[in-house]
N, C-alpha and C. Protein backbone atom coordinates (compact mmCIF):
# COMPACT_ATOMS: atom_id res chain seq x y z
N MET A 1 33.85 -16.79 -12.45
CA MET A 1 32.46 -16.96 -12.03
C MET A 1 31.70 -17.75 -13.10
N ASP A 2 30.86 -18.65 -12.64
CA ASP A 2 30.02 -19.42 -13.54
C ASP A 2 29.14 -18.48 -14.36
N LYS A 3 29.06 -18.71 -15.67
CA LYS A 3 28.32 -17.81 -16.58
C LYS A 3 26.83 -17.75 -16.24
N LYS A 4 26.25 -18.88 -15.84
CA LYS A 4 24.83 -18.88 -15.49
C LYS A 4 24.58 -18.03 -14.25
N VAL A 5 25.48 -18.16 -13.27
CA VAL A 5 25.36 -17.36 -12.05
C VAL A 5 25.51 -15.88 -12.39
N GLU A 6 26.48 -15.58 -13.22
CA GLU A 6 26.71 -14.18 -13.60
C GLU A 6 25.50 -13.60 -14.32
N LYS A 7 24.91 -14.37 -15.24
CA LYS A 7 23.72 -13.89 -15.96
C LYS A 7 22.55 -13.69 -15.00
N LYS A 8 22.37 -14.63 -14.07
CA LYS A 8 21.30 -14.51 -13.08
C LYS A 8 21.47 -13.24 -12.26
N LEU A 9 22.70 -12.99 -11.81
CA LEU A 9 22.96 -11.80 -11.02
C LEU A 9 22.81 -10.53 -11.85
N ASP A 10 23.23 -10.57 -13.11
CA ASP A 10 23.01 -9.42 -13.99
C ASP A 10 21.53 -9.07 -14.06
N ASP A 11 20.69 -10.08 -14.25
CA ASP A 11 19.24 -9.87 -14.35
C ASP A 11 18.67 -9.30 -13.05
N LEU A 12 19.11 -9.87 -11.93
CA LEU A 12 18.62 -9.39 -10.64
C LEU A 12 19.04 -7.95 -10.39
N PHE A 13 20.29 -7.62 -10.70
CA PHE A 13 20.73 -6.25 -10.46
C PHE A 13 20.09 -5.26 -11.44
N ASP A 14 19.76 -5.71 -12.63
CA ASP A 14 18.96 -4.87 -13.54
C ASP A 14 17.60 -4.58 -12.92
N PHE A 15 17.01 -5.60 -12.32
CA PHE A 15 15.71 -5.44 -11.65
C PHE A 15 15.84 -4.49 -10.47
N PHE A 16 16.89 -4.66 -9.66
CA PHE A 16 17.08 -3.78 -8.50
C PHE A 16 17.22 -2.32 -8.93
N ARG A 17 17.93 -2.09 -10.03
CA ARG A 17 18.07 -0.72 -10.53
C ARG A 17 16.72 -0.19 -11.03
N GLU A 18 15.95 -1.07 -11.65
CA GLU A 18 14.64 -0.65 -12.17
C GLU A 18 13.70 -0.27 -11.04
N ILE A 19 13.68 -1.05 -9.97
CA ILE A 19 12.74 -0.75 -8.89
C ILE A 19 13.17 0.46 -8.06
N ASP A 20 14.41 0.93 -8.26
CA ASP A 20 14.81 2.17 -7.60
C ASP A 20 13.91 3.32 -8.05
N LYS A 21 13.27 3.16 -9.21
CA LYS A 21 12.37 4.19 -9.73
C LYS A 21 11.13 4.36 -8.85
N GLU A 22 10.88 3.39 -7.96
CA GLU A 22 9.73 3.54 -7.06
C GLU A 22 9.89 4.78 -6.19
N LYS A 23 11.13 5.17 -5.92
CA LYS A 23 11.38 6.36 -5.11
C LYS A 23 10.95 7.64 -5.82
N LEU A 24 10.71 7.55 -7.12
CA LEU A 24 10.30 8.71 -7.91
C LEU A 24 8.79 8.83 -8.04
N ILE A 25 8.06 7.82 -7.58
CA ILE A 25 6.60 7.83 -7.71
C ILE A 25 6.01 8.59 -6.52
N THR A 26 5.51 9.77 -6.79
CA THR A 26 4.96 10.63 -5.75
C THR A 26 3.51 10.28 -5.47
N ARG A 27 3.20 10.16 -4.20
CA ARG A 27 1.83 9.92 -3.77
C ARG A 27 1.16 11.26 -3.45
N GLN A 28 -0.11 11.23 -3.10
CA GLN A 28 -0.83 12.46 -2.76
C GLN A 28 -0.99 12.62 -1.25
N THR A 29 -0.14 11.94 -0.49
CA THR A 29 -0.16 12.01 0.96
C THR A 29 1.09 12.74 1.43
N TYR A 30 0.90 13.72 2.29
CA TYR A 30 2.04 14.46 2.81
C TYR A 30 2.74 13.67 3.91
N LEU A 31 4.05 13.87 4.00
CA LEU A 31 4.80 13.33 5.13
C LEU A 31 4.44 14.12 6.38
N THR A 32 4.75 13.55 7.54
CA THR A 32 4.54 14.26 8.80
C THR A 32 5.18 15.63 8.72
N GLY A 33 4.43 16.65 9.13
CA GLY A 33 4.93 18.02 9.05
C GLY A 33 4.56 18.69 7.73
N ALA A 34 4.00 17.94 6.81
CA ALA A 34 3.55 18.45 5.50
C ALA A 34 4.66 19.15 4.74
N VAL A 35 5.90 18.66 4.90
CA VAL A 35 7.03 19.29 4.21
C VAL A 35 7.08 18.94 2.72
N ARG A 36 6.58 17.77 2.37
CA ARG A 36 6.51 17.35 0.97
C ARG A 36 5.64 16.11 0.90
N TYR A 37 5.33 15.71 -0.34
CA TYR A 37 4.59 14.48 -0.53
C TYR A 37 5.47 13.26 -0.27
N GLU A 38 4.85 12.20 0.16
CA GLU A 38 5.51 10.91 0.35
C GLU A 38 5.70 10.24 -1.02
N ASN A 39 6.73 9.39 -1.12
CA ASN A 39 6.85 8.58 -2.34
C ASN A 39 6.48 7.13 -2.04
N ASP A 40 6.34 6.34 -3.09
CA ASP A 40 5.89 4.95 -2.94
C ASP A 40 6.83 4.12 -2.07
N ALA A 41 8.14 4.33 -2.23
CA ALA A 41 9.10 3.54 -1.45
C ALA A 41 8.99 3.85 0.04
N GLU A 42 8.80 5.12 0.36
CA GLU A 42 8.63 5.50 1.77
C GLU A 42 7.35 4.90 2.34
N HIS A 43 6.31 4.91 1.54
CA HIS A 43 5.03 4.31 1.94
C HIS A 43 5.21 2.83 2.26
N ALA A 44 5.91 2.11 1.39
CA ALA A 44 6.14 0.67 1.59
C ALA A 44 6.96 0.42 2.84
N TRP A 45 8.03 1.19 3.03
CA TRP A 45 8.88 1.03 4.21
C TRP A 45 8.07 1.27 5.49
N HIS A 46 7.25 2.32 5.48
CA HIS A 46 6.49 2.67 6.67
C HIS A 46 5.51 1.55 7.06
N MET A 47 4.83 1.01 6.05
CA MET A 47 3.88 -0.08 6.33
C MET A 47 4.59 -1.34 6.80
N ALA A 48 5.79 -1.60 6.27
CA ALA A 48 6.55 -2.78 6.70
C ALA A 48 6.88 -2.69 8.18
N VAL A 49 7.33 -1.52 8.62
CA VAL A 49 7.65 -1.33 10.04
C VAL A 49 6.38 -1.42 10.88
N MET A 50 5.31 -0.82 10.41
CA MET A 50 4.04 -0.89 11.14
C MET A 50 3.59 -2.34 11.30
N THR A 51 3.75 -3.13 10.26
CA THR A 51 3.34 -4.54 10.32
C THR A 51 4.16 -5.31 11.35
N LEU A 52 5.45 -5.03 11.42
CA LEU A 52 6.29 -5.69 12.44
C LEU A 52 5.72 -5.49 13.83
N LEU A 53 5.19 -4.31 14.09
CA LEU A 53 4.75 -3.96 15.44
C LEU A 53 3.25 -4.13 15.67
N LEU A 54 2.48 -4.25 14.60
CA LEU A 54 1.02 -4.33 14.74
C LEU A 54 0.43 -5.67 14.35
N ALA A 55 1.25 -6.61 13.92
CA ALA A 55 0.74 -7.89 13.42
C ALA A 55 -0.12 -8.63 14.44
N SER A 56 0.15 -8.44 15.71
CA SER A 56 -0.62 -9.15 16.74
C SER A 56 -2.07 -8.68 16.80
N TYR A 57 -2.38 -7.56 16.13
CA TYR A 57 -3.76 -7.05 16.11
C TYR A 57 -4.54 -7.53 14.89
N SER A 58 -3.94 -8.39 14.10
CA SER A 58 -4.66 -8.95 12.97
C SER A 58 -5.83 -9.80 13.46
N ASN A 59 -6.92 -9.79 12.73
CA ASN A 59 -8.07 -10.64 13.09
C ASN A 59 -7.70 -12.12 13.05
N GLU A 60 -6.75 -12.47 12.18
CA GLU A 60 -6.34 -13.85 11.99
C GLU A 60 -4.82 -13.93 12.13
N LYS A 61 -4.32 -15.10 12.47
CA LYS A 61 -2.88 -15.28 12.53
C LYS A 61 -2.29 -15.08 11.14
N ILE A 62 -1.22 -14.31 11.07
CA ILE A 62 -0.59 -14.05 9.77
C ILE A 62 0.89 -14.41 9.78
N ASP A 63 1.39 -14.70 8.59
CA ASP A 63 2.81 -14.86 8.37
C ASP A 63 3.35 -13.44 8.17
N VAL A 64 4.08 -12.94 9.16
CA VAL A 64 4.51 -11.54 9.15
C VAL A 64 5.46 -11.26 7.98
N LEU A 65 6.41 -12.16 7.74
CA LEU A 65 7.35 -11.94 6.65
C LEU A 65 6.63 -11.90 5.30
N LYS A 66 5.67 -12.78 5.12
CA LYS A 66 4.91 -12.78 3.87
C LYS A 66 4.12 -11.48 3.71
N THR A 67 3.53 -11.01 4.80
CA THR A 67 2.76 -9.77 4.75
C THR A 67 3.66 -8.59 4.42
N ILE A 68 4.82 -8.52 5.07
CA ILE A 68 5.77 -7.45 4.80
C ILE A 68 6.26 -7.53 3.35
N SER A 69 6.53 -8.73 2.88
CA SER A 69 6.97 -8.91 1.49
C SER A 69 5.91 -8.38 0.53
N MET A 70 4.66 -8.67 0.81
CA MET A 70 3.55 -8.22 -0.01
C MET A 70 3.49 -6.69 -0.04
N LEU A 71 3.66 -6.09 1.13
CA LEU A 71 3.61 -4.63 1.22
C LEU A 71 4.79 -3.97 0.52
N LEU A 72 5.94 -4.62 0.57
CA LEU A 72 7.12 -4.04 -0.07
C LEU A 72 7.05 -4.06 -1.58
N ILE A 73 6.30 -5.02 -2.14
CA ILE A 73 6.27 -5.12 -3.61
C ILE A 73 4.96 -4.65 -4.25
N HIS A 74 3.90 -4.44 -3.46
CA HIS A 74 2.58 -4.24 -4.10
C HIS A 74 2.48 -2.97 -4.93
N ASP A 75 3.27 -1.94 -4.61
CA ASP A 75 3.21 -0.71 -5.39
C ASP A 75 4.33 -0.58 -6.41
N LEU A 76 5.18 -1.60 -6.53
CA LEU A 76 6.24 -1.54 -7.54
C LEU A 76 5.68 -1.35 -8.94
N VAL A 77 4.48 -1.87 -9.16
CA VAL A 77 3.86 -1.77 -10.49
C VAL A 77 3.60 -0.32 -10.88
N GLU A 78 3.58 0.57 -9.91
CA GLU A 78 3.32 1.98 -10.20
C GLU A 78 4.50 2.65 -10.90
N ILE A 79 5.65 1.95 -10.96
CA ILE A 79 6.78 2.46 -11.73
C ILE A 79 6.35 2.72 -13.16
N TYR A 80 5.50 1.85 -13.71
CA TYR A 80 4.99 2.02 -15.07
C TYR A 80 3.55 2.53 -15.09
N ALA A 81 2.77 2.11 -14.12
CA ALA A 81 1.34 2.47 -14.13
C ALA A 81 1.07 3.84 -13.51
N GLY A 82 2.01 4.33 -12.70
CA GLY A 82 1.79 5.59 -11.99
C GLY A 82 0.91 5.38 -10.77
N ASP A 83 0.92 6.35 -9.87
CA ASP A 83 0.10 6.28 -8.67
C ASP A 83 -1.32 6.73 -9.01
N THR A 84 -2.29 6.01 -8.50
CA THR A 84 -3.68 6.41 -8.66
C THR A 84 -4.17 6.88 -7.29
N TYR A 85 -4.51 8.15 -7.19
CA TYR A 85 -4.97 8.70 -5.91
C TYR A 85 -6.24 7.99 -5.47
N ALA A 86 -6.29 7.64 -4.20
CA ALA A 86 -7.40 6.84 -3.67
C ALA A 86 -8.76 7.46 -3.94
N TYR A 87 -8.82 8.80 -4.01
CA TYR A 87 -10.11 9.47 -4.17
C TYR A 87 -10.24 10.14 -5.54
N ALA A 88 -9.53 9.60 -6.53
CA ALA A 88 -9.53 10.20 -7.87
C ALA A 88 -10.74 9.80 -8.70
N GLY A 89 -11.50 8.81 -8.24
CA GLY A 89 -12.68 8.39 -8.98
C GLY A 89 -12.40 7.39 -10.09
N VAL A 90 -11.18 6.84 -10.12
CA VAL A 90 -10.84 5.83 -11.12
C VAL A 90 -11.43 4.49 -10.68
N SER A 91 -12.04 3.76 -11.61
CA SER A 91 -12.63 2.48 -11.24
C SER A 91 -11.54 1.50 -10.84
N ARG A 92 -11.86 0.64 -9.89
CA ARG A 92 -10.89 -0.36 -9.44
C ARG A 92 -10.51 -1.31 -10.56
N GLU A 93 -11.47 -1.58 -11.43
CA GLU A 93 -11.19 -2.48 -12.56
C GLU A 93 -10.18 -1.87 -13.51
N ASP A 94 -10.37 -0.59 -13.84
CA ASP A 94 -9.43 0.09 -14.73
C ASP A 94 -8.03 0.16 -14.10
N GLN A 95 -8.00 0.49 -12.83
CA GLN A 95 -6.72 0.57 -12.14
C GLN A 95 -6.03 -0.79 -12.12
N HIS A 96 -6.80 -1.84 -11.81
CA HIS A 96 -6.23 -3.19 -11.76
C HIS A 96 -5.66 -3.61 -13.12
N ASN A 97 -6.41 -3.34 -14.18
CA ASN A 97 -5.96 -3.73 -15.52
C ASN A 97 -4.66 -3.04 -15.89
N LYS A 98 -4.58 -1.76 -15.60
CA LYS A 98 -3.37 -0.99 -15.89
C LYS A 98 -2.19 -1.52 -15.08
N GLU A 99 -2.43 -1.77 -13.80
CA GLU A 99 -1.36 -2.25 -12.93
C GLU A 99 -0.97 -3.69 -13.25
N SER A 100 -1.91 -4.50 -13.70
CA SER A 100 -1.62 -5.88 -14.07
C SER A 100 -0.66 -5.94 -15.26
N GLN A 101 -0.88 -5.06 -16.23
CA GLN A 101 0.03 -4.97 -17.37
C GLN A 101 1.43 -4.55 -16.91
N SER A 102 1.47 -3.63 -15.97
CA SER A 102 2.75 -3.19 -15.41
C SER A 102 3.44 -4.33 -14.67
N ALA A 103 2.66 -5.13 -13.94
CA ALA A 103 3.21 -6.29 -13.22
C ALA A 103 3.81 -7.30 -14.19
N ASP A 104 3.12 -7.53 -15.31
CA ASP A 104 3.65 -8.44 -16.32
C ASP A 104 5.03 -7.98 -16.79
N LYS A 105 5.15 -6.70 -17.07
CA LYS A 105 6.40 -6.15 -17.58
C LYS A 105 7.50 -6.19 -16.52
N LEU A 106 7.20 -5.71 -15.33
CA LEU A 106 8.22 -5.59 -14.29
C LEU A 106 8.69 -6.95 -13.79
N PHE A 107 7.75 -7.79 -13.38
CA PHE A 107 8.13 -9.08 -12.82
C PHE A 107 8.64 -10.03 -13.90
N GLY A 108 8.30 -9.72 -15.15
CA GLY A 108 8.82 -10.50 -16.27
C GLY A 108 10.31 -10.30 -16.50
N MET A 109 10.87 -9.25 -15.89
CA MET A 109 12.31 -9.01 -16.01
C MET A 109 13.13 -10.14 -15.39
N ILE A 110 12.56 -10.76 -14.37
CA ILE A 110 13.23 -11.85 -13.65
C ILE A 110 12.25 -13.03 -13.57
N PRO A 111 12.09 -13.75 -14.67
CA PRO A 111 11.02 -14.76 -14.77
C PRO A 111 10.92 -15.73 -13.60
N GLU A 112 12.03 -16.29 -13.15
CA GLU A 112 11.97 -17.28 -12.07
C GLU A 112 11.53 -16.64 -10.76
N GLU A 113 12.24 -15.61 -10.32
CA GLU A 113 11.90 -14.95 -9.06
C GLU A 113 10.63 -14.12 -9.21
N GLY A 114 10.42 -13.63 -10.42
CA GLY A 114 9.24 -12.81 -10.68
C GLY A 114 7.94 -13.54 -10.48
N LYS A 115 7.93 -14.86 -10.67
CA LYS A 115 6.71 -15.65 -10.44
C LYS A 115 6.26 -15.52 -8.98
N LYS A 116 7.23 -15.58 -8.07
CA LYS A 116 6.91 -15.46 -6.64
C LYS A 116 6.39 -14.05 -6.32
N LEU A 117 7.04 -13.04 -6.89
CA LEU A 117 6.60 -11.67 -6.65
C LEU A 117 5.22 -11.43 -7.25
N ARG A 118 5.01 -11.96 -8.46
CA ARG A 118 3.71 -11.78 -9.09
C ARG A 118 2.61 -12.48 -8.29
N ALA A 119 2.92 -13.66 -7.75
CA ALA A 119 1.94 -14.37 -6.93
C ALA A 119 1.57 -13.56 -5.68
N LEU A 120 2.56 -12.91 -5.08
CA LEU A 120 2.29 -12.05 -3.91
C LEU A 120 1.44 -10.86 -4.32
N TRP A 121 1.76 -10.26 -5.47
CA TRP A 121 1.00 -9.11 -5.94
C TRP A 121 -0.45 -9.51 -6.23
N ASP A 122 -0.63 -10.65 -6.90
CA ASP A 122 -1.98 -11.13 -7.20
C ASP A 122 -2.76 -11.42 -5.91
N GLU A 123 -2.08 -12.00 -4.93
CA GLU A 123 -2.74 -12.29 -3.65
C GLU A 123 -3.19 -11.01 -2.97
N PHE A 124 -2.33 -10.00 -3.00
CA PHE A 124 -2.71 -8.70 -2.43
C PHE A 124 -3.94 -8.15 -3.14
N GLU A 125 -3.93 -8.22 -4.46
CA GLU A 125 -5.05 -7.70 -5.24
C GLU A 125 -6.36 -8.42 -4.91
N ARG A 126 -6.29 -9.73 -4.72
CA ARG A 126 -7.51 -10.51 -4.42
C ARG A 126 -7.99 -10.28 -2.99
N ALA A 127 -7.07 -9.99 -2.08
CA ALA A 127 -7.39 -9.77 -0.66
C ALA A 127 -8.17 -10.94 -0.07
N ASP A 128 -7.75 -12.16 -0.44
CA ASP A 128 -8.50 -13.34 -0.01
C ASP A 128 -7.74 -14.23 0.98
N THR A 129 -6.68 -13.70 1.58
CA THR A 129 -5.92 -14.43 2.60
C THR A 129 -5.75 -13.53 3.81
N PRO A 130 -5.47 -14.11 4.97
CA PRO A 130 -5.24 -13.26 6.16
C PRO A 130 -4.14 -12.23 5.93
N GLU A 131 -3.05 -12.64 5.26
CA GLU A 131 -1.94 -11.72 5.01
C GLU A 131 -2.37 -10.56 4.11
N ALA A 132 -3.11 -10.88 3.05
CA ALA A 132 -3.56 -9.83 2.14
C ALA A 132 -4.56 -8.90 2.81
N ARG A 133 -5.44 -9.45 3.62
CA ARG A 133 -6.40 -8.60 4.32
C ARG A 133 -5.70 -7.65 5.28
N PHE A 134 -4.69 -8.16 6.00
CA PHE A 134 -3.97 -7.29 6.93
C PHE A 134 -3.13 -6.27 6.15
N ALA A 135 -2.55 -6.68 5.03
CA ALA A 135 -1.79 -5.74 4.20
C ALA A 135 -2.68 -4.60 3.73
N HIS A 136 -3.92 -4.89 3.37
CA HIS A 136 -4.85 -3.84 2.97
C HIS A 136 -5.17 -2.92 4.14
N THR A 137 -5.28 -3.49 5.33
CA THR A 137 -5.51 -2.65 6.50
C THR A 137 -4.36 -1.66 6.67
N MET A 138 -3.14 -2.15 6.54
CA MET A 138 -1.97 -1.26 6.63
C MET A 138 -1.99 -0.21 5.52
N ASP A 139 -2.32 -0.64 4.31
CA ASP A 139 -2.32 0.24 3.14
C ASP A 139 -3.35 1.35 3.28
N ASN A 140 -4.40 1.10 4.03
CA ASN A 140 -5.44 2.11 4.24
C ASN A 140 -5.15 2.99 5.46
N ILE A 141 -4.67 2.39 6.53
CA ILE A 141 -4.47 3.16 7.76
C ILE A 141 -3.23 4.05 7.70
N GLN A 142 -2.16 3.61 7.03
CA GLN A 142 -0.94 4.42 6.99
C GLN A 142 -1.18 5.81 6.38
N PRO A 143 -1.81 5.93 5.21
CA PRO A 143 -2.06 7.28 4.68
C PRO A 143 -3.09 8.05 5.52
N MET A 144 -4.04 7.33 6.10
CA MET A 144 -5.00 7.97 6.98
C MET A 144 -4.27 8.62 8.16
N MET A 145 -3.31 7.89 8.72
CA MET A 145 -2.51 8.40 9.83
C MET A 145 -1.74 9.65 9.42
N LEU A 146 -1.11 9.63 8.24
CA LEU A 146 -0.36 10.79 7.79
C LEU A 146 -1.27 11.98 7.51
N ASN A 147 -2.47 11.71 7.00
CA ASN A 147 -3.42 12.80 6.81
C ASN A 147 -3.80 13.43 8.15
N ASP A 148 -3.93 12.60 9.16
CA ASP A 148 -4.22 13.11 10.50
C ASP A 148 -3.07 13.97 11.01
N TYR A 149 -1.83 13.50 10.84
CA TYR A 149 -0.67 14.22 11.34
C TYR A 149 -0.44 15.55 10.63
N THR A 150 -1.05 15.71 9.45
CA THR A 150 -0.91 16.97 8.72
C THR A 150 -2.22 17.76 8.77
N ARG A 151 -3.03 17.46 9.75
CA ARG A 151 -4.33 18.14 9.95
C ARG A 151 -5.23 18.06 8.72
N GLY A 152 -5.15 16.90 8.08
CA GLY A 152 -6.02 16.65 6.93
C GLY A 152 -5.69 17.47 5.70
N LYS A 153 -4.44 17.91 5.57
CA LYS A 153 -4.06 18.81 4.48
C LYS A 153 -4.40 18.25 3.10
N ALA A 154 -4.01 17.02 2.82
CA ALA A 154 -4.29 16.44 1.49
C ALA A 154 -5.79 16.25 1.29
N TRP A 155 -6.49 15.82 2.33
CA TRP A 155 -7.94 15.66 2.22
C TRP A 155 -8.59 17.00 1.87
N LYS A 156 -8.15 18.08 2.53
CA LYS A 156 -8.72 19.40 2.25
C LYS A 156 -8.39 19.84 0.83
N GLU A 157 -7.15 19.65 0.41
CA GLU A 157 -6.75 20.07 -0.94
C GLU A 157 -7.54 19.35 -2.02
N HIS A 158 -7.86 18.09 -1.78
CA HIS A 158 -8.59 17.28 -2.77
C HIS A 158 -10.10 17.25 -2.49
N GLU A 159 -10.52 18.02 -1.49
CA GLU A 159 -11.94 18.09 -1.11
C GLU A 159 -12.54 16.71 -0.88
N VAL A 160 -11.83 15.93 -0.07
CA VAL A 160 -12.29 14.58 0.28
C VAL A 160 -13.24 14.68 1.47
N HIS A 161 -14.37 14.00 1.37
CA HIS A 161 -15.39 14.05 2.41
C HIS A 161 -15.42 12.73 3.19
N LEU A 162 -16.03 12.79 4.36
CA LEU A 162 -16.08 11.62 5.24
C LEU A 162 -16.67 10.40 4.55
N HIS A 163 -17.76 10.57 3.80
CA HIS A 163 -18.37 9.41 3.15
C HIS A 163 -17.40 8.73 2.19
N GLN A 164 -16.50 9.50 1.55
CA GLN A 164 -15.51 8.91 0.66
C GLN A 164 -14.47 8.11 1.45
N ILE A 165 -14.06 8.64 2.58
CA ILE A 165 -13.08 7.96 3.43
C ILE A 165 -13.66 6.65 3.96
N LEU A 166 -14.90 6.70 4.41
CA LEU A 166 -15.54 5.49 4.93
C LEU A 166 -15.77 4.46 3.82
N LYS A 167 -16.12 4.93 2.63
CA LYS A 167 -16.29 4.01 1.49
C LYS A 167 -14.96 3.35 1.15
N ARG A 168 -13.90 4.15 1.11
CA ARG A 168 -12.55 3.64 0.81
C ARG A 168 -12.13 2.58 1.84
N ASN A 169 -12.62 2.72 3.06
CA ASN A 169 -12.21 1.85 4.16
C ASN A 169 -13.27 0.82 4.54
N GLU A 170 -14.19 0.53 3.62
CA GLU A 170 -15.28 -0.38 3.97
C GLU A 170 -14.80 -1.80 4.28
N HIS A 171 -13.58 -2.16 3.84
CA HIS A 171 -13.06 -3.50 4.11
C HIS A 171 -11.85 -3.49 5.06
N THR A 172 -11.50 -2.30 5.56
CA THR A 172 -10.30 -2.18 6.39
C THR A 172 -10.38 -3.05 7.64
N ALA A 173 -11.54 -3.14 8.24
CA ALA A 173 -11.70 -3.93 9.47
C ALA A 173 -11.55 -5.43 9.22
N GLU A 174 -11.62 -5.87 7.96
CA GLU A 174 -11.46 -7.30 7.67
C GLU A 174 -10.06 -7.79 7.99
N GLY A 175 -9.10 -6.89 8.00
CA GLY A 175 -7.73 -7.25 8.39
C GLY A 175 -7.50 -7.09 9.88
N SER A 176 -8.13 -6.06 10.46
CA SER A 176 -7.99 -5.82 11.89
C SER A 176 -9.11 -4.92 12.38
N GLU A 177 -10.05 -5.52 13.10
CA GLU A 177 -11.14 -4.73 13.68
C GLU A 177 -10.61 -3.75 14.70
N VAL A 178 -9.64 -4.19 15.51
CA VAL A 178 -9.08 -3.34 16.56
C VAL A 178 -8.42 -2.10 15.95
N LEU A 179 -7.61 -2.29 14.93
CA LEU A 179 -6.91 -1.15 14.34
C LEU A 179 -7.86 -0.21 13.62
N PHE A 180 -8.91 -0.75 13.00
CA PHE A 180 -9.85 0.15 12.34
C PHE A 180 -10.65 0.94 13.36
N GLU A 181 -11.04 0.29 14.45
CA GLU A 181 -11.75 1.02 15.52
C GLU A 181 -10.85 2.12 16.09
N TYR A 182 -9.58 1.78 16.29
CA TYR A 182 -8.62 2.77 16.78
C TYR A 182 -8.50 3.93 15.80
N ALA A 183 -8.40 3.62 14.51
CA ALA A 183 -8.27 4.66 13.49
C ALA A 183 -9.50 5.55 13.45
N LYS A 184 -10.68 4.97 13.57
CA LYS A 184 -11.89 5.79 13.57
C LYS A 184 -11.91 6.74 14.77
N LYS A 185 -11.52 6.21 15.92
CA LYS A 185 -11.57 7.01 17.15
C LYS A 185 -10.46 8.06 17.21
N LYS A 186 -9.24 7.67 16.88
CA LYS A 186 -8.09 8.54 17.10
C LYS A 186 -7.64 9.33 15.88
N ILE A 187 -8.01 8.85 14.67
CA ILE A 187 -7.56 9.52 13.46
C ILE A 187 -8.69 10.29 12.78
N LEU A 188 -9.84 9.64 12.58
CA LEU A 188 -10.93 10.31 11.88
C LEU A 188 -11.76 11.21 12.79
N ALA A 189 -12.13 10.72 13.95
CA ALA A 189 -13.05 11.46 14.82
C ALA A 189 -12.59 12.87 15.16
N PRO A 190 -11.32 13.09 15.47
CA PRO A 190 -10.91 14.47 15.79
C PRO A 190 -11.15 15.47 14.65
N HIS A 191 -11.26 14.98 13.43
CA HIS A 191 -11.44 15.87 12.29
C HIS A 191 -12.92 16.14 11.98
N VAL A 192 -13.78 15.22 12.32
CA VAL A 192 -15.18 15.35 11.86
C VAL A 192 -16.20 15.30 13.00
N GLY A 193 -15.78 14.99 14.20
CA GLY A 193 -16.74 14.87 15.28
C GLY A 193 -17.10 13.42 15.54
N ARG A 194 -16.97 13.00 16.77
CA ARG A 194 -17.10 11.59 17.12
C ARG A 194 -18.46 11.00 16.76
N GLU A 195 -19.50 11.82 16.93
CA GLU A 195 -20.83 11.28 16.69
C GLU A 195 -21.03 10.89 15.22
N VAL A 196 -20.31 11.51 14.31
CA VAL A 196 -20.42 11.17 12.90
C VAL A 196 -19.75 9.83 12.63
N ILE A 197 -18.57 9.62 13.21
CA ILE A 197 -17.81 8.40 12.99
C ILE A 197 -18.53 7.17 13.54
N ASP A 198 -19.22 7.33 14.66
CA ASP A 198 -19.85 6.18 15.30
C ASP A 198 -21.14 5.75 14.62
N ASP A 199 -21.59 6.49 13.62
CA ASP A 199 -22.84 6.11 12.92
C ASP A 199 -22.70 4.78 12.22
């Protein structure tokens, strides 16, 4: 085998082993049935499948593969930065800075391919493209859906209130108005009363 090819593959497989640690990053969202918490890798897989089937509801035409790629890698940085619970009160700036340092370290393991992954991660963070906006919609609705399926168990445990959920989702409709309206009606309203959600 060519030595350059072998070195390239060594680096890639080192990276693949490193990202396996994403399966160890526990989120604060319960799986359906509330049997245990979800991990980051499960979260990414779930959103990827959702995107395959929900992409037609995007406000704008999106590149589905690019969006799925973005969703599959956006939480890899939590291998070093850890998961930040959506309602923990951590500033977005602090979270971004911590995760950006993690992105430098992780994607720096594979400099050539890492540039592409880092660009996707940065695009997700900026949320300034149709793909990034839709990815954020998925990133917000997927845990909301699981909270609904567990009768709001994590929300109750963390004493999360409706105003916090609505604040967290103030940009969710920018990726898909239809899906956010659906989520308000079918996911949030049964927990808090329809008249509150429609305000």
